Amino acid sequence: MSSPSFPQAGEVFWVNIPNQPGDSDQPRTAIVISPNGRNKNCNDIIVVPTTSSARFKPHPLVHVRIPAGEGGLKSDSIVRCDQVTTIDKSLLGSGPLGAPISNTYREQIIKGVRRAIADPTV
């Protein structure tokens, strides 16, 4: 069975985040959070960037810790749910780095995004 020719929800890619030209950590890893139907039919995808910087101080409500190995990540990482962005597929670098992250982490990320935008139902 061949793999789909479009990014899948939960996959981790190296990406160049737009409007971040001074970011010395570019490209960085990001997790696709847009649904597969959208990923297949649109020119862009929705992602959340990750960081593995020891200097970063995560906020427990809007950042999700992901262990090394999940989704092909090489090190323990923090998902920046407060930095959700839409990028053109042409900004995708190498990837996916591995199998999609587990549904448990995907649900935590969506909850973090909802908290970051002050969704009152979370």
Protein backbone atom coordinates (compact mmCIF):
# COMPACT_ATOMS: atom_id res chain seq x y z
CA MET A 1 0.00 0.00 0.00
CA SER A 2 1.52 3.36 -1.00
CA SER A 3 1.59 6.33 1.34
CA PRO A 4 -0.55 9.40 0.60
CA SER A 5 1.04 12.15 -1.47
CA PHE A 6 0.08 14.87 1.00
CA PRO A 7 1.01 15.65 4.61
CA GLN A 8 -1.04 13.72 7.16
CA ALA A 9 -2.43 15.03 10.44
CA GLY A 10 -0.01 14.23 13.24
CA GLU A 11 3.08 13.95 11.05
CA VAL A 12 6.25 15.83 11.97
CA PHE A 13 8.15 17.77 9.29
CA TRP A 14 11.08 20.14 9.14
CA VAL A 15 9.56 23.49 8.13
CA ASN A 16 10.53 27.09 7.51
CA ILE A 17 8.10 29.18 9.54
CA PRO A 18 7.21 32.38 7.63
CA ASN A 19 7.81 35.82 9.14
CA GLN A 20 10.62 34.46 11.32
CA PRO A 21 13.72 35.45 9.31
CA GLY A 22 15.76 36.16 12.47
CA ASP A 23 14.98 32.79 14.03
CA SER A 24 18.33 31.01 14.28
CA ASP A 25 16.49 27.71 14.81
CA GLN A 26 15.04 27.63 11.27
CA PRO A 27 14.15 25.23 9.90
CA ARG A 28 12.42 23.73 12.90
CA THR A 29 10.17 20.76 13.44
CA ALA A 30 6.42 21.26 13.32
CA ILE A 31 3.44 18.97 13.66
CA VAL A 32 0.61 18.98 11.12
CA ILE A 33 -2.72 19.58 12.90
CA SER A 34 -5.04 20.28 9.97
CA PRO A 35 -7.39 17.44 8.97
CA ASN A 36 -6.40 15.15 6.11
CA GLY A 37 -9.23 16.25 3.82
CA ARG A 38 -7.96 19.81 4.04
CA ASN A 39 -4.34 18.70 3.71
CA LYS A 40 -5.15 16.87 0.49
CA ASN A 41 -7.24 19.59 -1.15
CA CYS A 42 -5.52 22.84 -0.12
CA ASN A 43 -2.16 24.35 -1.04
CA ASP A 44 -1.41 25.00 2.61
CA ILE A 45 -1.50 23.14 5.91
CA ILE A 46 -1.92 24.11 9.55
CA VAL A 47 1.02 23.33 11.83
CA VAL A 48 2.30 23.96 15.35
CA PRO A 49 6.05 24.37 15.82
CA THR A 50 8.07 22.49 18.40
CA THR A 51 11.14 23.39 20.43
CA SER A 52 13.67 21.32 22.28
CA SER A 53 15.50 24.31 23.74
CA ALA A 54 16.43 23.91 27.39
CA ARG A 55 16.00 27.69 27.74
CA PHE A 56 12.30 27.56 26.85
CA LYS A 57 9.95 27.80 29.83
CA PRO A 58 6.69 26.04 28.91
CA HIS A 59 3.28 27.06 30.17
CA PRO A 60 1.34 23.93 31.23
CA LEU A 61 -1.93 25.05 29.65
CA VAL A 62 -0.72 25.90 26.13
CA HIS A 63 2.42 23.82 25.64
CA VAL A 64 2.53 20.04 25.28
CA ARG A 65 5.56 17.90 26.06
CA ILE A 66 6.29 15.17 23.50
CA PRO A 67 8.95 12.52 24.23
CA ALA A 68 11.80 11.73 21.87
CA GLY A 69 10.83 9.11 19.31
CA GLU A 70 7.20 10.19 19.06
CA GLY A 71 6.52 11.13 15.44
CA GLY A 72 10.21 10.68 14.69
CA LEU A 73 11.35 13.54 16.95
CA LYS A 74 15.02 13.12 17.85
CA SER A 75 14.73 14.72 21.30
CA ASP A 76 12.13 15.53 23.93
CA SER A 77 10.20 18.50 22.57
CA ILE A 78 7.58 21.03 23.55
CA VAL A 79 4.75 21.80 21.15
CA ARG A 80 4.08 25.56 20.93
CA CYS A 81 0.28 25.39 20.73
CA ASP A 82 0.15 29.19 21.06
CA GLN A 83 2.01 29.54 17.74
CA VAL A 84 -0.37 27.72 15.41
CA THR A 85 0.20 28.86 11.83
CA THR A 86 -0.76 28.09 8.27
CA ILE A 87 2.08 27.46 5.83
CA ASP A 88 2.25 26.75 2.14
CA LYS A 89 3.20 23.15 1.45
CA SER A 90 6.27 24.46 -0.40
CA LEU A 91 7.72 25.46 3.01
CA LEU A 92 7.83 21.83 4.11
CA GLY A 93 11.31 20.45 4.36
CA SER A 94 12.13 16.83 4.93
CA GLY A 95 9.56 14.58 6.46
CA PRO A 96 7.58 13.05 7.66
CA LEU A 97 10.18 12.15 10.24
CA GLY A 98 8.25 9.07 11.34
CA ALA A 99 4.76 7.74 11.92
CA PRO A 100 2.16 10.31 13.04
CA ILE A 101 2.18 11.17 16.72
CA SER A 102 -0.31 9.26 18.83
CA ASN A 103 -3.93 10.35 19.16
CA THR A 104 -3.32 11.05 22.85
CA TYR A 105 -0.75 13.76 22.00
CA ARG A 106 -2.83 15.06 19.11
CA GLU A 107 -5.78 15.57 21.45
CA GLN A 108 -3.54 17.37 23.97
CA ILE A 109 -2.25 19.66 21.21
CA ILE A 110 -5.75 20.56 20.00
CA LYS A 111 -6.75 21.28 23.60
CA GLY A 112 -3.64 23.49 23.95
CA VAL A 113 -4.55 25.40 20.78
CA ARG A 114 -8.08 25.90 22.05
CA ARG A 115 -6.74 27.21 25.37
CA ALA A 116 -4.33 29.54 23.55
CA ILE A 117 -7.24 31.15 21.69
CA ALA A 118 -9.29 31.41 24.91
CA ASP A 119 -11.93 28.89 23.89
CA PRO A 120 -14.29 29.03 26.90
CA THR A 121 -15.36 25.40 26.45
CA VAL A 122 -11.91 24.03 27.39
